[in-house]
C-alpha atoms as a PDB file:
ATOM      1  CA  MET A   1       0.134   0.088   0.348  1.00  0.00           C
ATOM      2  CA  PRO A   2       1.826   2.970  -1.089  1.00  0.00           C
ATOM      3  CA  LEU A   3       1.935   5.770   1.364  1.00  0.00           C
ATOM      4  CA  GLU A   4       3.188   3.171   4.521  1.00  0.00           C
ATOM      5  CA  SER A   5       5.354   6.119   6.052  1.00  0.00           C
ATOM      6  CA  SER A   6       2.470   8.029   6.872  1.00  0.00           C
ATOM      7  CA  GLY A   7       1.506   5.129   9.522  1.00  0.00           C
ATOM      8  CA  PHE A   8      -2.282   5.004   7.730  1.00  0.00           C
ATOM      9  CA  ILE A   9      -4.174   2.067   7.758  1.00  0.00           C
ATOM     10  CA  ALA A  10      -6.811   1.213   6.203  1.00  0.00           C
ATOM     11  CA  SER A  11     -10.058  -0.742   6.669  1.00  0.00           C
ATOM     12  CA  HIS A  12     -12.049  -1.041   3.750  1.00  0.00           C
ATOM     13  CA  ARG A  13     -12.158   0.797   0.035  1.00  0.00           C
ATOM     14  CA  VAL A  14     -14.703   2.925  -0.609  1.00  0.00           C
ATOM     15  CA  ASP A  15     -14.664   3.431  -3.994  1.00  0.00           C
ATOM     16  CA  ALA A  16     -16.640   2.813  -6.665  1.00  0.00           C
ATOM     17  CA  GLY A  17     -14.309   2.210 -10.031  1.00  0.00           C
ATOM     18  CA  GLY A  18     -13.075   5.008 -12.346  1.00  0.00           C
ATOM     19  CA  ASN A  19      -9.378   6.119 -12.744  1.00  0.00           C
ATOM     20  CA  CYS A  20      -9.099   6.198  -8.819  1.00  0.00           C
ATOM     21  CA  GLN A  21      -8.836   3.535  -5.945  1.00  0.00           C
ATOM     22  CA  VAL A  22      -9.714   4.874  -2.361  1.00  0.00           C
ATOM     23  CA  TRP A  23      -9.590   3.258   1.038  1.00  0.00           C
ATOM     24  CA  ALA A  24     -11.193   4.648   4.192  1.00  0.00           C
ATOM     25  CA  GLY A  25      -8.871   4.505   7.377  1.00  0.00           C
ATOM     26  CA  GLN A  26      -7.812   6.185   9.755  1.00  0.00           C
ATOM     27  CA  LEU A  27      -4.066   7.642  11.274  1.00  0.00           C
ATOM     28  CA  PRO A  28      -2.293   6.273  13.992  1.00  0.00           C
ATOM     29  CA  ASP A  29      -3.979   9.115  16.330  1.00  0.00           C
ATOM     30  CA  GLY A  30      -6.910   7.523  15.109  1.00  0.00           C
ATOM     31  CA  THR A  31      -7.993  10.613  13.335  1.00  0.00           C
ATOM     32  CA  PRO A  32     -10.215   9.400   9.978  1.00  0.00           C
ATOM     33  CA  ALA A  33      -8.577   9.748   6.274  1.00  0.00           C
ATOM     34  CA  PHE A  34      -8.917   9.001   3.004  1.00  0.00           C
ATOM     35  CA  LEU A  35      -5.983   7.121   0.823  1.00  0.00           C
ATOM     36  CA  LYS A  36      -6.949   7.596  -3.305  1.00  0.00           C
ATOM     37  CA  GLN A  37      -4.567   6.030  -5.097  1.00  0.00           C
ATOM     38  CA  PHE A  38      -4.402   7.209  -9.611  1.00  0.00           C
ATOM     39  CA  SER A  39      -4.328   5.494 -11.974  1.00  0.00           C
ATOM     40  CA  GLU A  40      -3.784   8.828 -14.653  1.00  0.00           C
ATOM     41  CA  LEU A  41      -0.685  11.289 -13.750  1.00  0.00           C
ATOM     42  CA  ARG A  42      -3.143  13.878 -14.354  1.00  0.00           C
ATOM     43  CA  SER A  43      -6.642  13.241 -12.079  1.00  0.00           C
ATOM     44  CA  TRP A  44      -3.532  12.874  -9.760  1.00  0.00           C
ATOM     45  CA  LYS A  45      -1.850  16.836 -10.700  1.00  0.00           C
ATOM     46  CA  GLN A  46      -4.971  17.841 -10.417  1.00  0.00           C
ATOM     47  CA  GLU A  47      -6.471  17.409  -7.280  1.00  0.00           C
ATOM     48  CA  GLN A  48      -3.304  17.409  -5.663  1.00  0.00           C
ATOM     49  CA  HIS A  49      -2.668  21.222  -7.615  1.00  0.00           C
ATOM     50  CA  ALA A  50      -5.934  21.521  -5.801  1.00  0.00           C
ATOM     51  CA  LEU A  51      -5.588  20.540  -2.056  1.00  0.00           C
ATOM     52  CA  ALA A  52      -2.705  22.356  -2.008  1.00  0.00           C
ATOM     53  CA  ASP A  53      -2.874  25.031  -3.817  1.00  0.00           C
ATOM     54  CA  TRP A  54      -6.582  26.655  -4.128  1.00  0.00           C
ATOM     55  CA  LEU A  55      -8.389  24.967  -1.107  1.00  0.00           C
ATOM     56  CA  PRO A  56      -6.412  26.619   1.546  1.00  0.00           C
ATOM     57  CA  ARG A  57      -6.426  30.320   0.231  1.00  0.00           C
ATOM     58  CA  LEU A  58     -10.361  29.666   0.794  1.00  0.00           C
ATOM     59  CA  SER A  59     -12.087  30.413   4.510  1.00  0.00           C
ATOM     60  CA  ALA A  60     -12.597  27.156   6.396  1.00  0.00           C
ATOM     61  CA  ASP A  61     -15.366  29.000   8.228  1.00  0.00           C
ATOM     62  CA  ARG A  62     -17.453  28.755   5.594  1.00  0.00           C
ATOM     63  CA  THR A  63     -17.422  24.984   4.079  1.00  0.00           C
ATOM     64  CA  ASN A  64     -16.286  21.754   5.475  1.00  0.00           C
ATOM     65  CA  LEU A  65     -12.560  21.202   3.026  1.00  0.00           C
ATOM     66  CA  PRO A  66     -10.248  18.307   2.407  1.00  0.00           C
ATOM     67  CA  ARG A  67      -6.261  18.630   3.186  1.00  0.00           C
ATOM     68  CA  LEU A  68      -3.860  17.745   2.026  1.00  0.00           C
ATOM     69  CA  LEU A  69      -2.057  15.142   4.177  1.00  0.00           C
ATOM     70  CA  ASP A  70       0.683  13.239   2.441  1.00  0.00           C
ATOM     71  CA  GLN A  71       1.534  12.264  -1.318  1.00  0.00           C
ATOM     72  CA  ASP A  72       3.046   9.996  -3.181  1.00  0.00           C
ATOM     73  CA  PRO A  73       4.327  11.682  -7.175  1.00  0.00           C
ATOM     74  CA  ASP A  74       5.819   8.206  -7.930  1.00  0.00           C
ATOM     75  CA  ASP A  75       2.772   6.184  -6.745  1.00  0.00           C
ATOM     76  CA  LYS A  76       0.252   9.087  -7.642  1.00  0.00           C
ATOM     77  CA  SER A  77      -1.547   9.046  -4.626  1.00  0.00           C
ATOM     78  CA  LEU A  78      -2.600  11.448  -1.734  1.00  0.00           C
ATOM     79  CA  LEU A  79      -3.709  11.142   1.758  1.00  0.00           C
ATOM     80  CA  ILE A  80      -6.653  13.453   2.601  1.00  0.00           C
ATOM     81  CA  SER A  81      -7.933  14.553   5.064  1.00  0.00           C
ATOM     82  CA  ALA A  82     -11.484  13.013   6.532  1.00  0.00           C
ATOM     83  CA  VAL A  83     -14.794  15.838   5.953  1.00  0.00           C
ATOM     84  CA  PRO A  84     -17.504  15.968   7.861  1.00  0.00           C
ATOM     85  CA  GLY A  85     -20.950  14.730   6.685  1.00  0.00           C
ATOM     86  CA  VAL A  86     -22.831  12.375   5.060  1.00  0.00           C
ATOM     87  CA  SER A  87     -23.519  12.914   1.507  1.00  0.00           C
ATOM     88  CA  ILE A  88     -26.017  14.747  -0.247  1.00  0.00           C
ATOM     89  CA  GLU A  89     -26.947  12.928  -3.062  1.00  0.00           C
ATOM     90  CA  LYS A  90     -27.661   9.805  -0.951  1.00  0.00           C
ATOM     91  CA  SER A  91     -28.964  11.605   2.041  1.00  0.00           C
ATOM     92  CA  SER A  92     -33.239  12.250   3.027  1.00  0.00           C
ATOM     93  CA  LEU A  93     -32.737  16.157   3.707  1.00  0.00           C
ATOM     94  CA  ALA A  94     -36.014  18.117   4.201  1.00  0.00           C
ATOM     95  CA  ALA A  95     -36.760  21.572   2.203  1.00  0.00           C
ATOM     96  CA  GLY A  96     -35.247  23.709   4.323  1.00  0.00           C
ATOM     97  CA  GLN A  97     -31.920  22.252   4.355  1.00  0.00           C
ATOM     98  CA  LEU A  98     -31.664  21.179   0.763  1.00  0.00           C
ATOM     99  CA  ASP A  99     -32.552  24.856   0.235  1.00  0.00           C
ATOM    100  CA  GLU A 100     -29.715  25.836   2.511  1.00  0.00           C
ATOM    101  CA  VAL A 101     -26.937  23.517   1.339  1.00  0.00           C
ATOM    102  CA  MET A 102     -27.877  25.512  -2.242  1.00  0.00           C
ATOM    103  CA  GLN A 103     -27.792  28.456  -1.176  1.00  0.00           C
ATOM    104  CA  GLN A 104     -24.557  27.193   0.268  1.00  0.00           C
ATOM    105  CA  ALA A 105     -23.275  25.801  -2.407  1.00  0.00           C
ATOM    106  CA  GLY A 106     -23.257  28.434  -4.657  1.00  0.00           C
ATOM    107  CA  SER A 107     -21.682  30.841  -1.947  1.00  0.00           C
ATOM    108  CA  TRP A 108     -18.579  28.446  -1.662  1.00  0.00           C
ATOM    109  CA  LEU A 109     -18.675  28.190  -5.989  1.00  0.00           C
ATOM    110  CA  LYS A 110     -18.459  32.211  -5.712  1.00  0.00           C
ATOM    111  CA  HIS A 111     -15.264  31.891  -3.517  1.00  0.00           C
ATOM    112  CA  LEU A 112     -13.703  29.355  -5.675  1.00  0.00           C
ATOM    113  CA  HIS A 113     -14.224  30.908  -8.673  1.00  0.00           C
ATOM    114  CA  ARG A 114     -12.475  34.040  -7.162  1.00  0.00           C
ATOM    115  CA  LEU A 115      -9.371  32.263  -6.792  1.00  0.00           C
ATOM    116  CA  ASP A 116      -6.320  33.195  -9.043  1.00  0.00           C
ATOM    117  CA  PRO A 117      -5.402  29.505 -10.785  1.00  0.00           C
ATOM    118  CA  LEU A 118      -2.064  30.994 -10.581  1.00  0.00           C
ATOM    119  CA  ALA A 119      -1.805  28.507 -13.710  1.00  0.00           C
ATOM    120  CA  ILE A 120      -3.798  28.824 -16.984  1.00  0.00           C
ATOM    121  CA  ASP A 121      -3.434  27.047 -20.482  1.00  0.00           C
ATOM    122  CA  ASP A 122      -1.789  29.077 -22.932  1.00  0.00           C
ATOM    123  CA  LEU A 123      -4.596  28.377 -25.544  1.00  0.00           C
ATOM    124  CA  SER A 124      -7.807  30.893 -24.523  1.00  0.00           C
ATOM    125  CA  LEU A 125     -11.210  29.919 -24.369  1.00  0.00           C
ATOM    126  CA  SER A 126     -12.349  30.497 -27.906  1.00  0.00           C
ATOM    127  CA  GLU A 127      -9.232  28.464 -28.853  1.00  0.00           C
ATOM    128  CA  SER A 128      -9.491  25.534 -26.342  1.00  0.00           C
ATOM    129  CA  LEU A 129     -13.375  25.263 -26.021  1.00  0.00           C
ATOM    130  CA  PRO A 130     -13.912  23.963 -29.807  1.00  0.00           C
ATOM    131  CA  LEU A 131     -10.795  21.883 -29.515  1.00  0.00           C
ATOM    132  CA  ARG A 132     -12.135  19.734 -26.649  1.00  0.00           C
ATOM    133  CA  LEU A 133     -15.231  19.170 -28.055  1.00  0.00           C
ATOM    134  CA  GLU A 134     -12.719  18.166 -32.082  1.00  0.00           C
ATOM    135  CA  SER A 135     -11.459  15.534 -29.283  1.00  0.00           C
ATOM    136  CA  TRP A 136     -14.047  14.125 -28.220  1.00  0.00           C
ATOM    137  CA  ILE A 137     -16.106  13.427 -31.922  1.00  0.00           C
ATOM    138  CA  GLU A 138     -12.506  12.511 -32.806  1.00  0.00           C
ATOM    139  CA  ASN A 139     -12.375   9.755 -30.843  1.00  0.00           C
ATOM    140  CA  HIS A 140     -15.911   8.955 -30.551  1.00  0.00           C
ATOM    141  CA  GLY A 141     -15.795   5.324 -32.643  1.00  0.00           C
ATOM    142  CA  ASP A 142     -19.397   3.984 -32.920  1.00  0.00           C
ATOM    143  CA  SER A 143     -21.015   6.112 -30.166  1.00  0.00           C
ATOM    144  CA  LEU A 144     -21.637   9.893 -31.696  1.00  0.00           C
ATOM    145  CA  THR A 145     -24.744   9.146 -35.157  1.00  0.00           C
ATOM    146  CA  GLU A 146     -23.809  11.409 -37.563  1.00  0.00           C
ATOM    147  CA  ASN A 147     -27.098  13.766 -36.494  1.00  0.00           C
ATOM    148  CA  GLU A 148     -25.307  14.109 -33.017  1.00  0.00           C
ATOM    149  CA  ILE A 149     -21.746  15.322 -33.778  1.00  0.00           C
ATOM    150  CA  GLU A 150     -23.833  18.096 -36.315  1.00  0.00           C
ATOM    151  CA  LEU A 151     -25.607  19.360 -33.552  1.00  0.00           C
ATOM    152  CA  ALA A 152     -22.888  19.754 -30.821  1.00  0.00           C
ATOM    153  CA  ARG A 153     -20.522  21.602 -33.530  1.00  0.00           C
ATOM    154  CA  GLN A 154     -23.682  23.847 -34.484  1.00  0.00           C
ATOM    155  CA  ARG A 155     -24.083  24.819 -30.776  1.00  0.00           C
ATOM    156  CA  VAL A 156     -20.338  25.449 -30.132  1.00  0.00           C
ATOM    157  CA  GLY A 157     -19.355  26.737 -33.450  1.00  0.00           C
ATOM    158  CA  ASP A 158     -16.429  28.392 -33.853  1.00  0.00           C
ATOM    159  CA  GLY A 159     -15.643  29.416 -30.228  1.00  0.00           C
ATOM    160  CA  SER A 160     -16.285  33.121 -30.537  1.00  0.00           C
ATOM    161  CA  LEU A 161     -19.181  32.588 -28.062  1.00  0.00           C
ATOM    162  CA  PHE A 162     -16.363  32.028 -25.236  1.00  0.00           C
ATOM    163  CA  LYS A 163     -14.321  34.730 -26.138  1.00  0.00           C
ATOM    164  CA  SER A 164     -14.926  37.451 -23.140  1.00  0.00           C
ATOM    165  CA  THR A 165     -14.623  34.785 -20.649  1.00  0.00           C
ATOM    166  CA  LEU A 166     -11.465  34.152 -18.468  1.00  0.00           C
ATOM    167  CA  ARG A 167     -10.599  30.889 -17.243  1.00  0.00           C
ATOM    168  CA  VAL A 168     -11.100  30.246 -13.324  1.00  0.00           C
ATOM    169  CA  CYS A 169     -10.796  27.774 -10.861  1.00  0.00           C
ATOM    170  CA  CYS A 170     -13.536  24.864 -11.655  1.00  0.00           C
ATOM    171  CA  HIS A 171     -14.103  22.188  -9.512  1.00  0.00           C
ATOM    172  CA  ASN A 172     -16.023  20.895 -12.520  1.00  0.00           C
ATOM    173  CA  ASP A 173     -17.948  17.914 -11.074  1.00  0.00           C
ATOM    174  CA  PHE A 174     -19.438  20.398  -8.904  1.00  0.00           C
ATOM    175  CA  GLN A 175     -23.106  18.551  -8.092  1.00  0.00           C
ATOM    176  CA  PRO A 176     -24.549  16.875  -4.616  1.00  0.00           C
ATOM    177  CA  ARG A 177     -23.120  13.400  -4.915  1.00  0.00           C
ATOM    178  CA  ASN A 178     -19.646  15.145  -3.895  1.00  0.00           C
ATOM    179  CA  TRP A 179     -21.147  17.585  -1.434  1.00  0.00           C
ATOM    180  CA  LEU A 180     -21.512  16.438   2.460  1.00  0.00           C
ATOM    181  CA  TRP A 181     -23.656  17.974   4.768  1.00  0.00           C
ATOM    182  CA  ASP A 182     -23.327  17.640   8.298  1.00  0.00           C
ATOM    183  CA  GLY A 183     -26.977  19.223   9.231  1.00  0.00           C
ATOM    184  CA  HIS A 184     -24.933  23.045   9.561  1.00  0.00           C
ATOM    185  CA  GLN A 185     -22.270  22.983   7.093  1.00  0.00           C
ATOM    186  CA  ILE A 186     -21.922  21.192   3.604  1.00  0.00           C
ATOM    187  CA  GLY A 187     -18.087  19.635   2.491  1.00  0.00           C
ATOM    188  CA  ILE A 188     -16.597  20.252  -1.044  1.00  0.00           C
ATOM    189  CA  ILE A 189     -15.055  16.661  -1.976  1.00  0.00           C
ATOM    190  CA  ASP A 190     -12.959  14.612  -4.947  1.00  0.00           C
ATOM    191  CA  PHE A 191     -11.122  17.627  -6.673  1.00  0.00           C
ATOM    192  CA  GLU A 192      -9.734  15.560  -9.258  1.00  0.00           C
ATOM    193  CA  HIS A 193     -11.313  16.752 -11.655  1.00  0.00           C
ATOM    194  CA  ALA A 194     -10.064  20.657 -11.172  1.00  0.00           C
ATOM    195  CA  HIS A 195      -8.462  23.022 -13.069  1.00  0.00           C
ATOM    196  CA  ALA A 196      -8.672  26.266 -14.268  1.00  0.00           C
ATOM    197  CA  ASN A 197     -12.172  25.740 -16.701  1.00  0.00           C
ATOM    198  CA  HIS A 198     -14.991  27.874 -18.041  1.00  0.00           C
ATOM    199  CA  PRO A 199     -17.034  28.777 -15.212  1.00  0.00           C
ATOM    200  CA  ALA A 200     -20.305  27.377 -16.639  1.00  0.00           C
ATOM    201  CA  PHE A 201     -19.055  24.270 -16.137  1.00  0.00           C
ATOM    202  CA  ASP A 202     -19.075  24.022 -12.779  1.00  0.00           C
ATOM    203  CA  TRP A 203     -23.091  24.744 -13.407  1.00  0.00           C
ATOM    204  CA  VAL A 204     -23.920  22.244 -16.564  1.00  0.00           C
ATOM    205  CA  ARG A 205     -24.135  19.340 -14.032  1.00  0.00           C
ATOM    206  CA  LEU A 206     -26.917  21.002 -12.027  1.00  0.00           C
ATOM    207  CA  GLU A 207     -28.679  22.849 -14.930  1.00  0.00           C
ATOM    208  CA  THR A 208     -28.697  18.849 -16.666  1.00  0.00           C
ATOM    209  CA  GLY A 209     -30.325  17.521 -12.759  1.00  0.00           C
ATOM    210  CA  ILE A 210     -30.819  18.096  -9.877  1.00  0.00           C
ATOM    211  CA  TRP A 211     -32.262  21.769 -11.194  1.00  0.00           C
ATOM    212  CA  GLN A 212     -34.660  20.305 -13.268  1.00  0.00           C
ATOM    213  CA  LYS A 213     -36.422  18.651 -11.205  1.00  0.00           C
ATOM    214  CA  ALA A 214     -36.549  21.080  -8.680  1.00  0.00           C
ATOM    215  CA  PRO A 215     -35.727  24.741 -10.478  1.00  0.00           C
ATOM    216  CA  GLU A 216     -36.770  26.577  -7.043  1.00  0.00           C
ATOM    217  CA  LEU A 217     -33.081  25.173  -6.102  1.00  0.00           C
ATOM    218  CA  ARG A 218     -31.623  26.730  -8.761  1.00  0.00           C
ATOM    219  CA  ASP A 219     -33.080  30.294  -7.428  1.00  0.00           C
ATOM    220  CA  ARG A 220     -31.083  29.369  -3.987  1.00  0.00           C
ATOM    221  CA  PHE A 221     -28.404  28.770  -5.976  1.00  0.00           C
ATOM    222  CA  ILE A 222     -28.234  32.225  -7.120  1.00  0.00           C
ATOM    223  CA  ASP A 223     -28.937  33.635  -4.206  1.00  0.00           C
ATOM    224  CA  GLY A 224     -25.772  32.123  -2.442  1.00  0.00           C
ATOM    225  CA  TYR A 225     -23.447  32.927  -5.330  1.00  0.00           C
ATOM    226  CA  GLY A 226     -24.491  36.708  -5.810  1.00  0.00           C
ATOM    227  CA  GLU A 227     -25.836  37.151  -9.681  1.00  0.00           C
ATOM    228  CA  GLU A 228     -26.864  35.164 -11.889  1.00  0.00           C
ATOM    229  CA  PRO A 229     -24.237  35.368 -14.543  1.00  0.00           C
ATOM    230  CA  ASP A 230     -24.739  37.273 -18.514  1.00  0.00           C
ATOM    231  CA  TRP A 231     -22.990  32.928 -19.732  1.00  0.00           C
ATOM    232  CA  SER A 232     -25.617  31.341 -17.695  1.00  0.00           C
ATOM    233  CA  ASP A 233     -28.760  31.386 -20.075  1.00  0.00           C
ATOM    234  CA  GLY A 234     -29.143  30.688 -24.302  1.00  0.00           C
ATOM    235  CA  GLU A 235     -25.867  30.153 -25.909  1.00  0.00           C
ATOM    236  CA  ILE A 236     -23.227  30.049 -24.181  1.00  0.00           C
ATOM    237  CA  LEU A 237     -24.869  27.614 -21.996  1.00  0.00           C
ATOM    238  CA  ALA A 238     -25.948  25.353 -24.667  1.00  0.00           C
ATOM    239  CA  ALA A 239     -22.887  25.335 -25.871  1.00  0.00           C
ATOM    240  CA  ILE A 240     -20.945  24.021 -22.937  1.00  0.00           C
ATOM    241  CA  CYS A 241     -23.863  22.094 -22.416  1.00  0.00           C
ATOM    242  CA  ALA A 242     -23.326  20.279 -26.124  1.00  0.00           C
ATOM    243  CA  ILE A 243     -19.747  19.889 -24.848  1.00  0.00           C
ATOM    244  CA  TYR A 244     -20.466  17.981 -21.697  1.00  0.00           C
ATOM    245  CA  ALA A 245     -23.381  16.300 -23.781  1.00  0.00           C
ATOM    246  CA  VAL A 246     -20.880  14.400 -26.241  1.00  0.00           C
ATOM    247  CA  GLY A 247     -17.797  13.821 -23.652  1.00  0.00           C
ATOM    248  CA  CYS A 248     -20.970  11.526 -21.105  1.00  0.00           C
ATOM    249  CA  ILE A 249     -21.765   9.376 -24.604  1.00  0.00           C
ATOM    250  CA  VAL A 250     -18.633   8.546 -25.238  1.00  0.00           C
ATOM    251  CA  TRP A 251     -17.183   8.134 -22.287  1.00  0.00           C
ATOM    252  CA  GLY A 252     -19.946   6.245 -21.178  1.00  0.00           C
ATOM    253  CA  THR A 253     -20.285   4.176 -24.285  1.00  0.00           C
ATOM    254  CA  ARG A 254     -16.140   3.467 -23.604  1.00  0.00           C
ATOM    255  CA  HIS A 255     -16.637   2.105 -20.310  1.00  0.00           C
ATOM    256  CA  ARG A 256     -20.505   0.526 -20.907  1.00  0.00           C
ATOM    257  CA  GLU A 257     -22.319   3.415 -18.733  1.00  0.00           C
ATOM    258  CA  VAL A 258     -25.419   3.212 -20.372  1.00  0.00           C
ATOM    259  CA  ALA A 259     -26.914   5.751 -17.294  1.00  0.00           C
ATOM    260  CA  ILE A 260     -24.800   7.981 -18.719  1.00  0.00           C
ATOM    261  CA  VAL A 261     -24.862   7.679 -22.391  1.00  0.00           C
ATOM    262  CA  ALA A 262     -28.556   7.900 -21.958  1.00  0.00           C
ATOM    263  CA  ASN A 263     -28.443  11.242 -19.893  1.00  0.00           C
ATOM    264  CA  GLY A 264     -26.044  12.687 -22.330  1.00  0.00           C
ATOM    265  CA  ARG A 265     -28.603  12.054 -25.326  1.00  0.00           C
ATOM    266  CA  ARG A 266     -31.135  13.423 -23.126  1.00  0.00           C
ATOM    267  CA  ILE A 267     -28.930  16.136 -22.868  1.00  0.00           C
ATOM    268  CA  LEU A 268     -27.876  17.231 -26.083  1.00  0.00           C
ATOM    269  CA  ASP A 269     -31.335  16.246 -27.677  1.00  0.00           C
END
């Protein structure tokens, strides 16, 4: 087991598959912690950077956040502090509590988006986002139809939609399954996808998921965020949703995740 020198004692594995293995356990003093070992260096670097450089610059009074306890680049592993609370996705919260969770999530995301990402891609978003779509298309195998490809390209266009937006620090998997609730304060986990990106990528899973079932929660989120961004409706969000949907279809097909493929097709339709 990697990071044995830390004294971490694993009790059981908690991941559901994917690109990393996660063990729950504790440190020698009984403090709960998690050990994550990544199969991809990129995911390791993204979570390590978020934990080491981004999160320490955010107020711990507002949100429960993980801390980086130890790391091993050779094994692509990270030892991370446990975050109190239970998964929002698996909890039965009262309506008032869910409103509070959504408002706190919006407030935390606002502060994340205001951080200086310190390092960003040399390409502008107007250049990189069309290329990102084309990368999914070039590697789709037989997962996309010609109509789906044409529709996605139409929505993204030549990238000029994004020319006025700068990259910000993004979680990039911001949704209830990565939120915890301790009864008073939200916790945010799983930063393996975190990198500087268009801020709408932190809204897309909510716009195409829980907010469709409960639109009033969108208002609570915006209350916390402090404003409704000019990109949160119309062509820009539709373009981001198209990139996300194509990624769902291609990735889901590749990994035989039928529900993810179906969700991508629903979004793109």
